[in-house]
Amino acid sequence: MIGISSNALALGATIGLMATAAMAHGYRAGPLSIQHPWSRETAVGQAVGGGFLTITNSGSREDRLLSGTTPVAAEVQLHTMTMDGGIMRMRQVADGIAIPARGSVELKPGSYHIMFMGLKRQLRQGGRVPVTLRFLRAGNVTVQFAVQPVSTTGPMEGGHAGH
């Protein structure tokens, strides 16, 4: 019979908790929970990239995502995408994106999303993009967007896309 020391058990538990926290990839700011920020890899010289995430508001008052900044792009814009007569149209959202009280908003491909305009470097798979999001009530929150393969359609946490 092989004995396991309490130090080895503690180390194993700590590593397990760290791995779980890393896979969770979430952030909090007051009543806001920001989950799974992700982006797609870009081609060399590509000037724009997209950012996606889910924001949940457990508070009793609406908040609003107003803007963002990142050192990897000249500008961060909030966009929406609609279909108009079979033509996809992206438009910048001028007054921000409402996060309803006791509700959630998912920024995803084909809907609301974040645009990184004037990229200063390629977004590479496996990398992270630091972005400071500015909310009306919650203030500034810095998150890390996980850069995933160009074919990704949803957040890949723990190796599962879109789950």
Protein backbone atom coordinates (compact mmCIF):
# COMPACT_ATOMS: atom_id res chain seq x y z
CA MET A 1 0.00 0.00 0.00
CA ILE A 2 1.36 3.40 -0.96
CA GLY A 3 0.86 6.28 1.44
CA ILE A 4 0.13 9.82 0.25
CA SER A 5 1.27 12.70 2.43
CA SER A 6 -1.08 15.51 3.40
CA ASN A 7 1.28 17.93 1.60
CA ALA A 8 0.86 16.00 -1.66
CA LEU A 9 -2.92 16.01 -1.24
CA ALA A 10 -2.92 19.76 -0.53
CA LEU A 11 -0.74 20.43 -3.57
CA GLY A 12 -3.04 18.33 -5.77
CA ALA A 13 -6.13 20.15 -4.49
CA THR A 14 -4.49 23.54 -5.10
CA ILE A 15 -3.54 22.62 -8.66
CA GLY A 16 -7.08 21.35 -9.30
CA LEU A 17 -8.60 24.61 -8.04
CA MET A 18 -6.21 26.67 -10.17
CA ALA A 19 -7.10 24.65 -13.28
CA THR A 20 -10.82 25.07 -12.59
CA ALA A 21 -10.39 28.84 -12.12
CA ALA A 22 -8.38 29.12 -15.34
CA MET A 23 -11.04 27.23 -17.31
CA ALA A 24 -13.86 29.32 -15.81
CA HIS A 25 -12.42 32.47 -17.39
CA GLY A 26 -14.81 34.86 -15.69
CA TYR A 27 -14.72 38.28 -14.05
CA ARG A 28 -16.92 40.17 -11.57
CA ALA A 29 -17.66 43.86 -11.09
CA GLY A 30 -20.32 44.53 -8.48
CA PRO A 31 -23.51 42.80 -9.70
CA LEU A 32 -22.00 42.11 -13.15
CA SER A 33 -20.51 38.78 -14.11
CA ILE A 34 -18.48 38.70 -17.34
CA GLN A 35 -18.00 35.18 -18.66
CA HIS A 36 -15.81 33.62 -21.34
CA PRO A 37 -14.40 36.64 -23.22
CA TRP A 38 -13.00 35.29 -26.50
CA SER A 39 -11.79 36.40 -29.88
CA ARG A 40 -10.79 34.70 -33.11
CA GLU A 41 -7.25 34.58 -34.43
CA THR A 42 -6.52 37.05 -37.22
CA ALA A 43 -4.38 36.90 -40.34
CA VAL A 44 -1.08 38.75 -40.59
CA GLY A 45 -1.87 42.38 -41.47
CA GLN A 46 -5.59 42.08 -40.71
CA ALA A 47 -6.80 45.44 -39.36
CA VAL A 48 -9.89 44.34 -37.39
CA GLY A 49 -10.89 41.58 -35.00
CA GLY A 50 -13.99 40.65 -33.04
CA GLY A 51 -14.63 40.09 -29.36
CA PHE A 52 -17.40 38.08 -27.74
CA LEU A 53 -18.58 37.40 -24.17
CA THR A 54 -21.61 37.04 -21.92
CA ILE A 55 -22.53 39.68 -19.32
CA THR A 56 -24.97 38.81 -16.53
CA ASN A 57 -26.42 41.45 -14.22
CA SER A 58 -27.65 40.09 -10.87
CA GLY A 59 -28.49 43.60 -9.66
CA SER A 60 -31.84 45.36 -9.43
CA ARG A 61 -30.82 48.16 -11.86
CA GLU A 62 -29.94 48.07 -15.53
CA ASP A 63 -26.30 48.75 -16.39
CA ARG A 64 -24.87 49.62 -19.79
CA LEU A 65 -21.65 48.64 -21.59
CA LEU A 66 -20.46 51.98 -22.96
CA SER A 67 -17.02 51.43 -24.48
CA GLY A 68 -13.66 49.73 -24.18
CA THR A 69 -9.94 50.19 -24.70
CA THR A 70 -7.06 47.85 -25.45
CA PRO A 71 -3.36 48.34 -26.09
CA VAL A 72 -3.55 46.01 -29.14
CA ALA A 73 -5.93 48.18 -31.22
CA ALA A 74 -6.38 51.85 -32.03
CA GLU A 75 -10.06 51.71 -31.07
CA VAL A 76 -12.64 49.41 -29.47
CA GLN A 77 -16.16 49.73 -30.87
CA LEU A 78 -19.47 48.14 -29.89
CA HIS A 79 -21.35 46.77 -32.91
CA THR A 80 -24.55 45.02 -33.84
CA MET A 81 -25.14 42.87 -36.91
CA THR A 82 -28.44 42.63 -38.73
CA MET A 83 -29.65 41.10 -41.98
CA ASP A 84 -31.31 43.55 -44.38
CA GLY A 85 -32.71 42.03 -47.58
CA GLY A 86 -30.19 39.19 -47.44
CA ILE A 87 -27.29 41.60 -46.84
CA MET A 88 -25.35 41.50 -43.58
CA ARG A 89 -24.97 44.96 -42.06
CA MET A 90 -22.73 45.85 -39.15
CA ARG A 91 -23.41 49.10 -37.34
CA GLN A 92 -21.63 50.77 -34.47
CA VAL A 93 -23.83 51.06 -31.37
CA ALA A 94 -23.80 54.73 -30.36
CA ASP A 95 -25.43 54.59 -26.92
CA GLY A 96 -23.94 51.36 -25.59
CA ILE A 97 -25.46 47.97 -24.91
CA ALA A 98 -28.05 47.64 -22.13
CA ILE A 99 -27.46 44.91 -19.55
CA PRO A 100 -30.92 44.39 -18.01
CA ALA A 101 -31.46 44.02 -14.27
CA ARG A 102 -31.49 40.33 -13.35
CA GLY A 103 -30.70 39.48 -16.98
CA SER A 104 -27.94 38.61 -19.42
CA VAL A 105 -26.67 39.74 -22.79
CA GLU A 106 -24.53 37.52 -25.00
CA LEU A 107 -22.18 39.28 -27.40
CA LYS A 108 -21.68 36.68 -30.13
CA PRO A 109 -21.07 36.30 -33.86
CA GLY A 110 -24.13 37.50 -35.81
CA SER A 111 -25.39 39.75 -33.01
CA TYR A 112 -23.96 42.32 -30.63
CA HIS A 113 -20.16 42.10 -30.53
CA ILE A 114 -16.98 44.08 -29.87
CA MET A 115 -14.76 45.22 -32.75
CA PHE A 116 -11.04 45.80 -32.32
CA MET A 117 -10.32 48.45 -34.98
CA GLY A 118 -6.81 49.23 -36.20
CA LEU A 119 -5.09 46.15 -34.77
CA LYS A 120 -1.46 46.82 -33.88
CA ARG A 121 -0.55 43.13 -33.99
CA GLN A 122 -1.93 39.80 -35.10
CA LEU A 123 -4.24 38.02 -32.65
CA ARG A 124 -2.68 34.57 -32.33
CA GLN A 125 -4.45 31.41 -31.24
CA GLY A 126 -3.66 30.65 -27.59
CA GLY A 127 -2.91 34.29 -26.79
CA ARG A 128 -4.85 36.78 -24.70
CA VAL A 129 -6.11 40.28 -25.49
CA PRO A 130 -6.38 42.63 -22.48
CA VAL A 131 -9.44 44.86 -22.76
CA THR A 132 -10.79 47.40 -20.27
CA LEU A 133 -14.57 47.55 -20.57
CA ARG A 134 -16.38 50.68 -19.34
CA PHE A 135 -19.84 50.30 -17.80
CA LEU A 136 -22.24 53.07 -16.77
CA ARG A 137 -22.65 51.82 -13.19
CA ALA A 138 -19.97 49.15 -12.62
CA GLY A 139 -17.16 51.37 -13.96
CA ASN A 140 -14.04 49.95 -15.60
CA VAL A 141 -13.36 46.21 -15.67
CA THR A 142 -10.24 44.72 -17.28
CA VAL A 143 -10.72 41.28 -18.82
CA GLN A 144 -8.62 38.97 -20.97
CA PHE A 145 -10.08 37.76 -24.28
CA ALA A 146 -8.83 34.23 -25.09
CA VAL A 147 -7.80 34.01 -28.76
CA GLN A 148 -9.26 30.90 -30.38
CA PRO A 149 -9.05 29.36 -33.87
CA VAL A 150 -10.59 31.36 -36.72
CA SER A 151 -13.28 28.68 -37.21
CA THR A 152 -14.55 28.94 -33.62
CA THR A 153 -18.23 29.82 -33.18
CA GLY A 154 -18.34 30.00 -29.36
CA PRO A 155 -16.14 30.07 -26.27
CA MET A 156 -13.81 27.09 -25.92
CA GLU A 157 -13.51 26.36 -22.23
CA GLY A 158 -12.00 23.05 -21.24
CA GLY A 159 -11.70 22.07 -24.91
CA HIS A 160 -15.40 22.33 -25.80
CA ALA A 161 -16.52 24.94 -28.31
CA GLY A 162 -19.91 26.50 -27.79
CA HIS A 163 -20.95 24.47 -24.73
